[in-house]
Structure formats: structure tokens, C-alpha cells
Amino acid sequence: MSTYKVSYRSKETNRRRSKHIEAPSADAARQLIALEATDVFSSEFVPPPLASDAQRDYLRAFGDRRWNDPTLTKDQAHDLIDEFVAKDAPTNWSFRDSYPATEAQFEKYHYFGGKLKPEFSKLTQGEMGRLIDRVRPREGQDAPNPVSPRQALCLRFFFEPAVTDRFIRMTKKDVKLLFDAFYEENPGARTVWDSWKKAHGIPEHTYLVGPSRVERNTYATLGEPPLSLNCLQTFKTQKQLDAASQSVCQEHLPLLRP
């Protein structure tokens, strides 16, 4: 079976539409859409998606030379990986020492409670992976999940030092809850932040950007409209509700045990 993009006029809406159809041929795809169409304009073959970088990395770790095949499809790579996994084949990830560390690795290291440093930008994926293993929580332990560097920058940009200092000690989840309410109250605030970042060269990938790049309460110096800060009360109320819900669950937990 192959995928075909069929362009047709809908009987229901009398408008031109297109749909991806799984069929053995283009003619078969036309026939399958016939019940929905007054006219069928075209039926084009859609190539299958190619293997992802992650899949190619796995094949390379398994020692399969097809990882570099430009025509390798996602489904083919999936089947090959399944074969290696079924055989419990050994892997060798040393090739990652030639790749630079990724933003996702910095994020994971930070999530586990590691302290990021600017010089980490010079590390390879392999080196960063070994650092992550050092801070990875033991089985049964929860990751600290501290406030992310991006959130720290936002806190410093929008809020007075007292508010920033209060939230910087919380978790990433807590600060996300705060900013969800904050941006809902202040729909133009995100645009101001994005414009200021661009003007001051703050990159989108911020895990290695120190919070000192942003002066505290910068927003107040820009001449923008005053911010609504009802979100601080919203956050407090939501935290109380979450705490009450957790308390109720803990109270009923013994009742659920055999």
C-alpha cells in the first residue's frame, strides 16, 4: 500500500478539498474517494517519510551502515531497530563524541538539578551525556525540576526583585502556572518580551544564558502600559487548591489499600 494525495470537489460542501488515501495505486485512490466527490482532479503519490535523526543514531549505535542511506524511510528504520532490539544487540555510542551537546541535554541536566555553565557549549554529546548520568536521580527519587533559565529571565524582566526572589526558589511547574495566568491577563506582554530579547541579542536557546543578562524589572523602564498582577493571587489560590487536593488523596490512600 502507498499513500496518495487526492484532490477533489466535495459533495457535501461543493468545495475543493484534498485527502491522503492509502491505496495500492492512484486509480484505486480515486475510486476510494469517489463516494465523497463530484469531481476528482488529481491523485499524486506521496513519498513515505524518511528516517529521523534519532532513528539513524540508533542504527549507527547498533553498527548498521544503513544509518547513512539517504533513502531510508521511517518505517524501514523502525523495523531494523526492532530487529536489533529483539536480538539484544550491543550498542556503541562513542560516535556522539564528534557531535556538539544539544539544548535538550542542557535542559535534562538542569531538570536533574545540575548547575549549568557557559563552557558546556564546548562539550560533545558524549561528554554531556556522562555529566547527565552523574546528576541523574536514583531510582525512587524525584528530579528537582528547578526554574528554567528562560523562566528566570522572564521573572527578572517583568517583576520586582521581591517577586522574582520568591518564585526563583520554586519549581519549573510552579512558574509555568504563574506565567499562564500572567500572559492571559497581559496579552501584549509576550510581544514586548520577544521584541526586547531580539533587540538585545538574547537567543531562543537560553539554557546557557545567565539571568544577569536581564536587569531586574526591566519592563518598568520601557514606558509600556502598567501590568495587571492579579496572577499572583491566582497562583496562590491554585497552589492552595492543589495542596488541598493532594491532602484529600493522601487521606483516602489507606482506604484504597487492600
C-alpha atoms as a PDB file:
ATOM      1  CA  MET A   1       0.000   0.000   0.000  1.00  0.00           C
ATOM      2  CA  SER A   2       1.122   3.531  -0.786  1.00  0.00           C
ATOM      3  CA  THR A   3      -0.106   6.988   0.147  1.00  0.00           C
ATOM      4  CA  TYR A   4      -1.748   9.244  -2.447  1.00  0.00           C
ATOM      5  CA  LYS A   5      -2.901  12.845  -2.125  1.00  0.00           C
ATOM      6  CA  VAL A   6      -6.263  13.048  -3.878  1.00  0.00           C
ATOM      7  CA  SER A   7      -7.669  16.442  -4.836  1.00  0.00           C
ATOM      8  CA  TYR A   8     -11.451  16.515  -5.342  1.00  0.00           C
ATOM      9  CA  ARG A   9     -14.658  18.539  -5.073  1.00  0.00           C
ATOM     10  CA  SER A  10     -16.692  17.574  -2.043  1.00  0.00           C
ATOM     11  CA  LYS A  11     -20.313  16.519  -2.492  1.00  0.00           C
ATOM     12  CA  GLU A  12     -21.119  17.827   0.977  1.00  0.00           C
ATOM     13  CA  THR A  13     -19.643  21.342   0.712  1.00  0.00           C
ATOM     14  CA  ASN A  14     -19.156  21.729  -3.059  1.00  0.00           C
ATOM     15  CA  ARG A  15     -15.640  22.962  -2.277  1.00  0.00           C
ATOM     16  CA  ARG A  16     -12.273  21.760  -3.427  1.00  0.00           C
ATOM     17  CA  ARG A  17     -10.551  19.571  -0.858  1.00  0.00           C
ATOM     18  CA  SER A  18      -7.657  17.139  -0.624  1.00  0.00           C
ATOM     19  CA  LYS A  19      -7.143  13.990   1.402  1.00  0.00           C
ATOM     20  CA  HIS A  20      -4.370  11.439   1.907  1.00  0.00           C
ATOM     21  CA  ILE A  21      -5.555   7.957   0.916  1.00  0.00           C
ATOM     22  CA  GLU A  22      -3.838   4.603   1.486  1.00  0.00           C
ATOM     23  CA  ALA A  23      -4.266   2.568  -1.704  1.00  0.00           C
ATOM     24  CA  PRO A  24      -2.399   0.120  -3.970  1.00  0.00           C
ATOM     25  CA  SER A  25      -2.476   2.572  -6.904  1.00  0.00           C
ATOM     26  CA  ALA A  26      -3.504   6.083  -7.956  1.00  0.00           C
ATOM     27  CA  ASP A  27      -6.606   4.736  -9.703  1.00  0.00           C
ATOM     28  CA  ALA A  28      -7.596   2.825  -6.578  1.00  0.00           C
ATOM     29  CA  ALA A  29      -7.228   6.027  -4.532  1.00  0.00           C
ATOM     30  CA  ARG A  30      -9.553   7.813  -6.953  1.00  0.00           C
ATOM     31  CA  GLN A  31     -12.137   5.061  -6.588  1.00  0.00           C
ATOM     32  CA  LEU A  32     -11.971   5.173  -2.782  1.00  0.00           C
ATOM     33  CA  ILE A  33     -12.728   8.901  -2.732  1.00  0.00           C
ATOM     34  CA  ALA A  34     -15.500   8.655  -5.372  1.00  0.00           C
ATOM     35  CA  LEU A  35     -18.324   8.368  -2.808  1.00  0.00           C
ATOM     36  CA  GLU A  36     -17.352  11.739  -1.320  1.00  0.00           C
ATOM     37  CA  ALA A  37     -16.620  13.580  -4.577  1.00  0.00           C
ATOM     38  CA  THR A  38     -18.442  15.119  -7.506  1.00  0.00           C
ATOM     39  CA  ASP A  39     -15.125  15.537  -9.362  1.00  0.00           C
ATOM     40  CA  VAL A  40     -11.642  14.107  -8.795  1.00  0.00           C
ATOM     41  CA  PHE A  41      -8.955  16.487 -10.056  1.00  0.00           C
ATOM     42  CA  SER A  42      -5.721  14.618  -9.322  1.00  0.00           C
ATOM     43  CA  SER A  43      -4.149  11.739  -7.439  1.00  0.00           C
ATOM     44  CA  GLU A  44      -0.465  12.209  -6.553  1.00  0.00           C
ATOM     45  CA  PHE A  45       1.903   9.730  -4.966  1.00  0.00           C
ATOM     46  CA  VAL A  46       3.196  10.868  -1.556  1.00  0.00           C
ATOM     47  CA  PRO A  47       6.670   9.531  -0.722  1.00  0.00           C
ATOM     48  CA  PRO A  48       6.949   7.859   2.696  1.00  0.00           C
ATOM     49  CA  PRO A  49       8.653   9.984   5.392  1.00  0.00           C
ATOM     50  CA  LEU A  50      12.404   9.489   5.736  1.00  0.00           C
ATOM     51  CA  ALA A  51      14.082   8.106   8.838  1.00  0.00           C
ATOM     52  CA  SER A  52      14.549  10.619  11.650  1.00  0.00           C
ATOM     53  CA  ASP A  53      17.933  11.681  13.004  1.00  0.00           C
ATOM     54  CA  ALA A  54      17.185   9.788  16.218  1.00  0.00           C
ATOM     55  CA  GLN A  55      16.488   6.580  14.295  1.00  0.00           C
ATOM     56  CA  ARG A  56      19.689   6.974  12.291  1.00  0.00           C
ATOM     57  CA  ASP A  57      21.638   7.472  15.513  1.00  0.00           C
ATOM     58  CA  TYR A  58      20.234   4.232  16.916  1.00  0.00           C
ATOM     59  CA  LEU A  59      21.157   2.310  13.748  1.00  0.00           C
ATOM     60  CA  ARG A  60      24.645   3.794  13.871  1.00  0.00           C
ATOM     61  CA  ALA A  61      24.990   2.730  17.515  1.00  0.00           C
ATOM     62  CA  PHE A  62      23.972  -0.802  16.507  1.00  0.00           C
ATOM     63  CA  GLY A  63      26.680  -0.770  13.808  1.00  0.00           C
ATOM     64  CA  ASP A  64      24.294  -0.872  10.830  1.00  0.00           C
ATOM     65  CA  ARG A  65      25.760   1.021   7.884  1.00  0.00           C
ATOM     66  CA  ARG A  66      22.316   1.804   6.501  1.00  0.00           C
ATOM     67  CA  TRP A  67      22.031   4.666   9.021  1.00  0.00           C
ATOM     68  CA  ASN A  68      23.561   6.924   6.351  1.00  0.00           C
ATOM     69  CA  ASP A  69      21.287   5.793   3.494  1.00  0.00           C
ATOM     70  CA  PRO A  70      19.510   8.964   2.261  1.00  0.00           C
ATOM     71  CA  THR A  71      16.554   6.896   1.007  1.00  0.00           C
ATOM     72  CA  LEU A  72      15.958   5.025   4.273  1.00  0.00           C
ATOM     73  CA  THR A  73      12.338   5.513   5.336  1.00  0.00           C
ATOM     74  CA  LYS A  74      10.943   5.915   8.822  1.00  0.00           C
ATOM     75  CA  ASP A  75       9.132   2.562   8.681  1.00  0.00           C
ATOM     76  CA  GLN A  76      12.224   0.746   7.400  1.00  0.00           C
ATOM     77  CA  ALA A  77      14.362   2.214  10.183  1.00  0.00           C
ATOM     78  CA  HIS A  78      11.711   1.276  12.749  1.00  0.00           C
ATOM     79  CA  ASP A  79      11.733  -2.350  11.578  1.00  0.00           C
ATOM     80  CA  LEU A  80      15.549  -2.516  11.597  1.00  0.00           C
ATOM     81  CA  ILE A  81      15.741  -1.112  15.124  1.00  0.00           C
ATOM     82  CA  ASP A  82      13.115  -3.602  16.305  1.00  0.00           C
ATOM     83  CA  GLU A  83      15.245  -6.438  14.899  1.00  0.00           C
ATOM     84  CA  PHE A  84      18.337  -5.262  16.776  1.00  0.00           C
ATOM     85  CA  VAL A  85      16.380  -4.780  19.999  1.00  0.00           C
ATOM     86  CA  ALA A  86      14.858  -8.255  19.691  1.00  0.00           C
ATOM     87  CA  LYS A  87      18.366  -9.721  19.395  1.00  0.00           C
ATOM     88  CA  ASP A  88      19.531  -7.616  22.360  1.00  0.00           C
ATOM     89  CA  ALA A  89      22.340  -6.337  20.129  1.00  0.00           C
ATOM     90  CA  PRO A  90      25.107  -4.295  21.830  1.00  0.00           C
ATOM     91  CA  THR A  91      25.300  -0.565  21.164  1.00  0.00           C
ATOM     92  CA  ASN A  92      28.254   1.775  20.848  1.00  0.00           C
ATOM     93  CA  TRP A  93      27.506   5.487  21.252  1.00  0.00           C
ATOM     94  CA  SER A  94      31.109   6.697  21.040  1.00  0.00           C
ATOM     95  CA  PHE A  95      30.370   8.399  17.694  1.00  0.00           C
ATOM     96  CA  ARG A  96      28.395  11.008  19.620  1.00  0.00           C
ATOM     97  CA  ASP A  97      31.702  12.386  20.870  1.00  0.00           C
ATOM     98  CA  SER A  98      32.032  14.076  17.495  1.00  0.00           C
ATOM     99  CA  TYR A  99      28.669  15.888  17.850  1.00  0.00           C
ATOM    100  CA  PRO A 100      28.178  19.074  19.911  1.00  0.00           C
ATOM    101  CA  ALA A 101      25.991  18.846  23.028  1.00  0.00           C
ATOM    102  CA  THR A 102      22.355  19.718  22.416  1.00  0.00           C
ATOM    103  CA  GLU A 103      19.903  22.107  24.063  1.00  0.00           C
ATOM    104  CA  ALA A 104      17.822  19.070  25.056  1.00  0.00           C
ATOM    105  CA  GLN A 105      20.806  17.715  27.002  1.00  0.00           C
ATOM    106  CA  PHE A 106      21.290  21.046  28.788  1.00  0.00           C
ATOM    107  CA  GLU A 107      17.597  21.010  29.684  1.00  0.00           C
ATOM    108  CA  LYS A 108      17.780  17.471  31.087  1.00  0.00           C
ATOM    109  CA  TYR A 109      20.919  18.275  33.106  1.00  0.00           C
ATOM    110  CA  HIS A 110      19.172  21.317  34.584  1.00  0.00           C
ATOM    111  CA  TYR A 111      15.992  19.306  35.244  1.00  0.00           C
ATOM    112  CA  PHE A 112      18.016  16.804  37.278  1.00  0.00           C
ATOM    113  CA  GLY A 113      19.428  19.631  39.383  1.00  0.00           C
ATOM    114  CA  GLY A 114      22.811  20.106  37.676  1.00  0.00           C
ATOM    115  CA  LYS A 115      24.325  23.602  37.590  1.00  0.00           C
ATOM    116  CA  LEU A 116      24.838  24.741  34.004  1.00  0.00           C
ATOM    117  CA  LYS A 117      27.977  26.626  32.985  1.00  0.00           C
ATOM    118  CA  PRO A 118      28.718  28.663  29.826  1.00  0.00           C
ATOM    119  CA  GLU A 119      31.677  26.385  28.991  1.00  0.00           C
ATOM    120  CA  PHE A 120      29.231  23.498  28.486  1.00  0.00           C
ATOM    121  CA  SER A 121      28.697  24.918  24.989  1.00  0.00           C
ATOM    122  CA  LYS A 122      32.072  23.374  24.038  1.00  0.00           C
ATOM    123  CA  LEU A 123      31.125  19.847  25.176  1.00  0.00           C
ATOM    124  CA  THR A 124      30.197  16.958  22.918  1.00  0.00           C
ATOM    125  CA  GLN A 125      27.030  14.895  23.206  1.00  0.00           C
ATOM    126  CA  GLY A 126      29.010  12.081  24.762  1.00  0.00           C
ATOM    127  CA  GLU A 127      30.634  14.326  27.360  1.00  0.00           C
ATOM    128  CA  MET A 128      27.333  15.962  28.223  1.00  0.00           C
ATOM    129  CA  GLY A 129      25.676  12.566  28.466  1.00  0.00           C
ATOM    130  CA  ARG A 130      28.210  11.456  31.057  1.00  0.00           C
ATOM    131  CA  LEU A 131      27.578  14.617  33.102  1.00  0.00           C
ATOM    132  CA  ILE A 132      23.847  13.911  32.989  1.00  0.00           C
ATOM    133  CA  ASP A 133      24.440  10.397  34.310  1.00  0.00           C
ATOM    134  CA  ARG A 134      26.263  11.865  37.325  1.00  0.00           C
ATOM    135  CA  VAL A 135      23.304  14.000  38.428  1.00  0.00           C
ATOM    136  CA  ARG A 136      20.521  11.611  37.424  1.00  0.00           C
ATOM    137  CA  PRO A 137      18.313  10.865  40.468  1.00  0.00           C
ATOM    138  CA  ARG A 138      18.458   7.377  41.892  1.00  0.00           C
ATOM    139  CA  GLU A 139      15.520   5.050  41.443  1.00  0.00           C
ATOM    140  CA  GLY A 140      12.592   6.243  43.538  1.00  0.00           C
ATOM    141  CA  GLN A 141      13.879   9.816  43.796  1.00  0.00           C
ATOM    142  CA  ASP A 142      12.127  12.759  42.145  1.00  0.00           C
ATOM    143  CA  ALA A 143      14.062  15.184  39.930  1.00  0.00           C
ATOM    144  CA  PRO A 144      14.317  18.696  41.443  1.00  0.00           C
ATOM    145  CA  ASN A 145      12.966  20.318  38.227  1.00  0.00           C
ATOM    146  CA  PRO A 146      14.089  23.856  39.212  1.00  0.00           C
ATOM    147  CA  VAL A 147      13.016  27.061  37.481  1.00  0.00           C
ATOM    148  CA  SER A 148      14.460  27.045  33.957  1.00  0.00           C
ATOM    149  CA  PRO A 149      16.916  29.732  32.780  1.00  0.00           C
ATOM    150  CA  ARG A 150      14.267  31.016  30.344  1.00  0.00           C
ATOM    151  CA  GLN A 151      11.783  31.397  33.212  1.00  0.00           C
ATOM    152  CA  ALA A 152      14.413  33.132  35.345  1.00  0.00           C
ATOM    153  CA  LEU A 153      14.975  35.670  32.555  1.00  0.00           C
ATOM    154  CA  CYS A 154      11.228  36.307  32.283  1.00  0.00           C
ATOM    155  CA  LEU A 155      10.833  36.732  36.033  1.00  0.00           C
ATOM    156  CA  ARG A 156      13.623  39.310  36.111  1.00  0.00           C
ATOM    157  CA  PHE A 157      12.203  41.137  33.067  1.00  0.00           C
ATOM    158  CA  PHE A 158       8.635  41.564  34.333  1.00  0.00           C
ATOM    159  CA  PHE A 159       8.660  41.557  38.123  1.00  0.00           C
ATOM    160  CA  GLU A 160      10.092  43.439  41.067  1.00  0.00           C
ATOM    161  CA  PRO A 161      13.008  41.744  42.881  1.00  0.00           C
ATOM    162  CA  ALA A 162      10.810  40.580  45.781  1.00  0.00           C
ATOM    163  CA  VAL A 163       8.519  38.652  43.423  1.00  0.00           C
ATOM    164  CA  THR A 164      11.412  37.240  41.391  1.00  0.00           C
ATOM    165  CA  ASP A 165      13.260  36.101  44.522  1.00  0.00           C
ATOM    166  CA  ARG A 166      10.120  34.392  45.753  1.00  0.00           C
ATOM    167  CA  PHE A 167       9.467  32.395  42.585  1.00  0.00           C
ATOM    168  CA  ILE A 168      13.068  31.633  41.669  1.00  0.00           C
ATOM    169  CA  ARG A 169      13.149  29.174  44.582  1.00  0.00           C
ATOM    170  CA  MET A 170      10.133  27.260  43.303  1.00  0.00           C
ATOM    171  CA  THR A 171       9.852  24.627  40.567  1.00  0.00           C
ATOM    172  CA  LYS A 172       9.506  24.948  36.815  1.00  0.00           C
ATOM    173  CA  LYS A 173       5.910  23.731  37.123  1.00  0.00           C
ATOM    174  CA  ASP A 174       5.085  26.469  39.645  1.00  0.00           C
ATOM    175  CA  VAL A 175       6.472  29.254  37.457  1.00  0.00           C
ATOM    176  CA  LYS A 176       4.666  27.895  34.395  1.00  0.00           C
ATOM    177  CA  LEU A 177       1.421  28.145  36.349  1.00  0.00           C
ATOM    178  CA  LEU A 178       2.255  31.762  37.186  1.00  0.00           C
ATOM    179  CA  PHE A 179       3.065  32.766  33.595  1.00  0.00           C
ATOM    180  CA  ASP A 180      -0.004  31.007  32.161  1.00  0.00           C
ATOM    181  CA  ALA A 181      -2.136  33.347  34.291  1.00  0.00           C
ATOM    182  CA  PHE A 182       0.168  36.345  33.712  1.00  0.00           C
ATOM    183  CA  TYR A 183       0.038  36.167  29.897  1.00  0.00           C
ATOM    184  CA  GLU A 184      -3.720  35.640  29.978  1.00  0.00           C
ATOM    185  CA  GLU A 185      -4.092  38.887  31.966  1.00  0.00           C
ATOM    186  CA  ASN A 186      -1.483  40.759  29.916  1.00  0.00           C
ATOM    187  CA  PRO A 187      -1.866  39.584  26.288  1.00  0.00           C
ATOM    188  CA  GLY A 188       0.609  42.159  24.954  1.00  0.00           C
ATOM    189  CA  ALA A 189       3.370  41.306  27.430  1.00  0.00           C
ATOM    190  CA  ARG A 190       4.791  38.387  25.465  1.00  0.00           C
ATOM    191  CA  THR A 191       5.254  40.579  22.373  1.00  0.00           C
ATOM    192  CA  VAL A 192       7.146  43.168  24.442  1.00  0.00           C
ATOM    193  CA  TRP A 193       9.398  40.436  25.860  1.00  0.00           C
ATOM    194  CA  ASP A 194      10.063  38.880  22.440  1.00  0.00           C
ATOM    195  CA  SER A 195      10.901  42.270  20.899  1.00  0.00           C
ATOM    196  CA  TRP A 196      13.230  43.183  23.756  1.00  0.00           C
ATOM    197  CA  LYS A 197      15.004  39.799  23.531  1.00  0.00           C
ATOM    198  CA  LYS A 198      15.594  40.235  19.823  1.00  0.00           C
ATOM    199  CA  ALA A 199      16.849  43.798  20.243  1.00  0.00           C
ATOM    200  CA  HIS A 200      19.306  42.755  22.979  1.00  0.00           C
ATOM    201  CA  GLY A 201      20.597  39.578  21.336  1.00  0.00           C
ATOM    202  CA  ILE A 202      19.047  37.074  23.756  1.00  0.00           C
ATOM    203  CA  PRO A 203      18.970  33.740  21.859  1.00  0.00           C
ATOM    204  CA  GLU A 204      15.923  31.486  21.724  1.00  0.00           C
ATOM    205  CA  HIS A 205      18.002  28.667  23.231  1.00  0.00           C
ATOM    206  CA  THR A 206      18.589  30.061  26.696  1.00  0.00           C
ATOM    207  CA  TYR A 207      19.861  27.212  28.858  1.00  0.00           C
ATOM    208  CA  LEU A 208      23.386  28.619  28.846  1.00  0.00           C
ATOM    209  CA  VAL A 209      22.323  32.282  29.141  1.00  0.00           C
ATOM    210  CA  GLY A 210      22.902  33.683  32.635  1.00  0.00           C
ATOM    211  CA  PRO A 211      19.962  35.545  34.231  1.00  0.00           C
ATOM    212  CA  SER A 212      22.171  38.610  34.780  1.00  0.00           C
ATOM    213  CA  ARG A 213      21.743  39.355  31.048  1.00  0.00           C
ATOM    214  CA  VAL A 214      18.390  40.861  32.059  1.00  0.00           C
ATOM    215  CA  GLU A 215      18.179  43.685  34.599  1.00  0.00           C
ATOM    216  CA  ARG A 216      15.557  43.246  37.292  1.00  0.00           C
ATOM    217  CA  ASN A 217      12.135  44.730  36.486  1.00  0.00           C
ATOM    218  CA  THR A 218      13.250  45.872  33.037  1.00  0.00           C
ATOM    219  CA  TYR A 219       9.635  46.169  31.859  1.00  0.00           C
ATOM    220  CA  ALA A 220       9.026  49.098  34.230  1.00  0.00           C
ATOM    221  CA  THR A 221      11.724  51.149  32.440  1.00  0.00           C
ATOM    222  CA  LEU A 222      10.294  50.756  28.918  1.00  0.00           C
ATOM    223  CA  GLY A 223       7.337  53.142  29.140  1.00  0.00           C
ATOM    224  CA  GLU A 224       4.861  50.330  28.427  1.00  0.00           C
ATOM    225  CA  PRO A 225       1.343  50.205  29.998  1.00  0.00           C
ATOM    226  CA  PRO A 226       1.226  49.031  33.634  1.00  0.00           C
ATOM    227  CA  LEU A 227       0.890  45.283  34.109  1.00  0.00           C
ATOM    228  CA  SER A 228      -2.003  43.527  35.803  1.00  0.00           C
ATOM    229  CA  LEU A 229      -0.656  41.340  38.609  1.00  0.00           C
ATOM    230  CA  ASN A 230      -3.822  39.522  39.673  1.00  0.00           C
ATOM    231  CA  CYS A 231      -1.913  36.427  38.557  1.00  0.00           C
ATOM    232  CA  LEU A 232      -0.026  36.467  41.846  1.00  0.00           C
ATOM    233  CA  GLN A 233      -3.300  35.881  43.695  1.00  0.00           C
ATOM    234  CA  THR A 234      -4.413  33.357  41.045  1.00  0.00           C
ATOM    235  CA  PHE A 235      -1.208  31.440  41.604  1.00  0.00           C
ATOM    236  CA  LYS A 236      -1.694  31.455  45.385  1.00  0.00           C
ATOM    237  CA  THR A 237      -5.281  30.196  45.049  1.00  0.00           C
ATOM    238  CA  GLN A 238      -4.294  27.436  42.617  1.00  0.00           C
ATOM    239  CA  LYS A 239      -1.456  26.308  44.880  1.00  0.00           C
ATOM    240  CA  GLN A 240      -3.914  26.121  47.788  1.00  0.00           C
ATOM    241  CA  LEU A 241      -6.340  24.069  45.702  1.00  0.00           C
ATOM    242  CA  ASP A 242      -3.546  21.714  44.618  1.00  0.00           C
ATOM    243  CA  ALA A 243      -2.375  21.310  48.206  1.00  0.00           C
ATOM    244  CA  ALA A 244      -5.927  20.601  49.406  1.00  0.00           C
ATOM    245  CA  SER A 245      -6.455  18.053  46.627  1.00  0.00           C
ATOM    246  CA  GLN A 246      -3.174  16.304  47.472  1.00  0.00           C
ATOM    247  CA  SER A 247      -4.157  16.225  51.158  1.00  0.00           C
ATOM    248  CA  VAL A 248      -7.510  14.598  50.325  1.00  0.00           C
ATOM    249  CA  CYS A 249      -5.767  11.986  48.165  1.00  0.00           C
ATOM    250  CA  GLN A 250      -3.362  11.135  50.978  1.00  0.00           C
ATOM    251  CA  GLU A 251      -6.253  10.844  53.446  1.00  0.00           C
ATOM    252  CA  HIS A 252      -8.085   8.384  51.208  1.00  0.00           C
ATOM    253  CA  LEU A 253      -4.997   6.423  50.194  1.00  0.00           C
ATOM    254  CA  PRO A 254      -5.196   3.997  53.181  1.00  0.00           C
ATOM    255  CA  LEU A 255      -8.799   3.225  52.220  1.00  0.00           C
ATOM    256  CA  LEU A 256      -7.679   2.145  48.773  1.00  0.00           C
ATOM    257  CA  ARG A 257      -5.065  -0.265  50.056  1.00  0.00           C
ATOM    258  CA  PRO A 258      -6.080  -3.955  50.406  1.00  0.00           C
END
